[in-house]
Amino acid sequence: MSKRSVSPPAPGGAVIKRAKNDNGAASSTTREIAISSNNDPRNKALTRTVPRTSGLEAPIISLAGAHSGEILSCRFSPSGLHIAACSSDRSLSLWNTYPPNTNYALLSNIAKAPLLDLQWSLFQPWIYTVSADHMLSVVDTTTGERIRKVRAHGGIINSLDRTMAGGAGTELLVTGSDDGTVKVWESSDDGGLAKYPVTTIEVGCPVTAVCWSKDGQNVYVASLDNEIHVYDLRNSTTASANANGSTYPRTQPLLSLTGHTDTPTSLSVSPDGNFLLSPSLSSNVLIHDIRPFSPSPTRVHRILRGAPAGFENTLLKGAWTRDEEVHGGKPGQRVAVGGADRMVCVWEVESGKLMYKLPGHKGTVTSCDFHPKEPILLTGSKDGTMLLGELEAGIAV
């Protein structure tokens, strides 16, 4: 059989992908691209090898087709094997992180209003969601059923977070709402969630974001007064009366973190519990030093720029890296925040250097999350899609 002739040359050259390496075996960890000037890879070819850093099928993967509205929050599961996303179309979607990256569930009966935020449970196959109809819901991911729904607040619930309560082995939730209150809830094995909150904190103005400290003793609250208030849940002895005449514990903040000139949009504590990430509507991203004794009187550790918030007043959600193995045993070296310019920025924390400004979306990047075990970045956008992208492994320390 005669050898197949080479295709006629095309003007301008061509880019040819090689499926195999020099040994004739398919390579699973590298990608080789041969660049030739006349369409013939054997003639003056330059081969460039691109290393792969994760178990994804491709360096960039698009997750689309499930939502008809804006994706407002998306997060990896604690194991990193699954992804959950909630949308303004009132649905919750579940995806596989690794091939074939299928959308294995789309739950549309969670709430009667847009789902604004979600969190995976730390000890059960559950997902907690909050919505604009004032509801806090618990969804069983194994059956796809909503096992609990509580009217948690008197206004839109913007944010929630969860933690394990010390040595008690109990999962606690915290929610923040436009009604100016923050409430703490206790998870239960039978019903998924207690009917009444454990503690109610009156902030006095709409709350845009909440998160727990690493030890689960303090709650960080971002509000419309452009400050971040720190509350110690052990200090809740003063009673306060609401409009209905009933009383509940009122907790005074330990301190308030300043530095923002506009409303903070989300809060996230670093894996070591020493720093707090807070994007804002002023397009400045602050990292606060929340250690007991901070060398800075203002506690502002870094000011990061590059992610514009835009004019839509979207509550942009940021994230810290958590992959200890690829970062030399030191997680939290990088942070990521999306912007209204349809890109997501990744900074190095210690230097404040902008390492990546990643495109790909057709709308504001509302949420991002790092994989817990690999250098993979997940982003969700107002265009109704999500992107999975590989990053270069961090510098070992």
Foldseek 3Di string as FASTA:
>chain_A
DDDDDQDFFDQPFDKDWDQPDPVRDGDPFKTWIWTDRTRDSVPPIDIDIDGHFDQAPDQKDKFFDQDPFFWQEKEAAPQRQKIWIFGQQQKIWIFGPHPPTDGPDIARPFDPGGWHYKDQDPPAQWMWTFGQVQKIWIARPVVRDTLDIASADPGGWHEKEWDQAAPPRWIKMWIFFQVQKIFIWTADDPRGTDHHTPAIEHRPGGWQEWYAFHNRQWIWTWGFVQKIFIWGPVAFDDWDADPVGDIGTYTDTPDIQHDGPGTWQYWDAFPVRQWIWTAGQVQKIWIFGPPPDDPDPNRTQDIAHDAHADDPRASAEKEWAQACPLQQNDTRQWMWTWHQVQWIWIAGRPVSHTDDTGHDGPGTFRYWYARNHTQWIWTTGRVRMIMIRHDDGHDHD
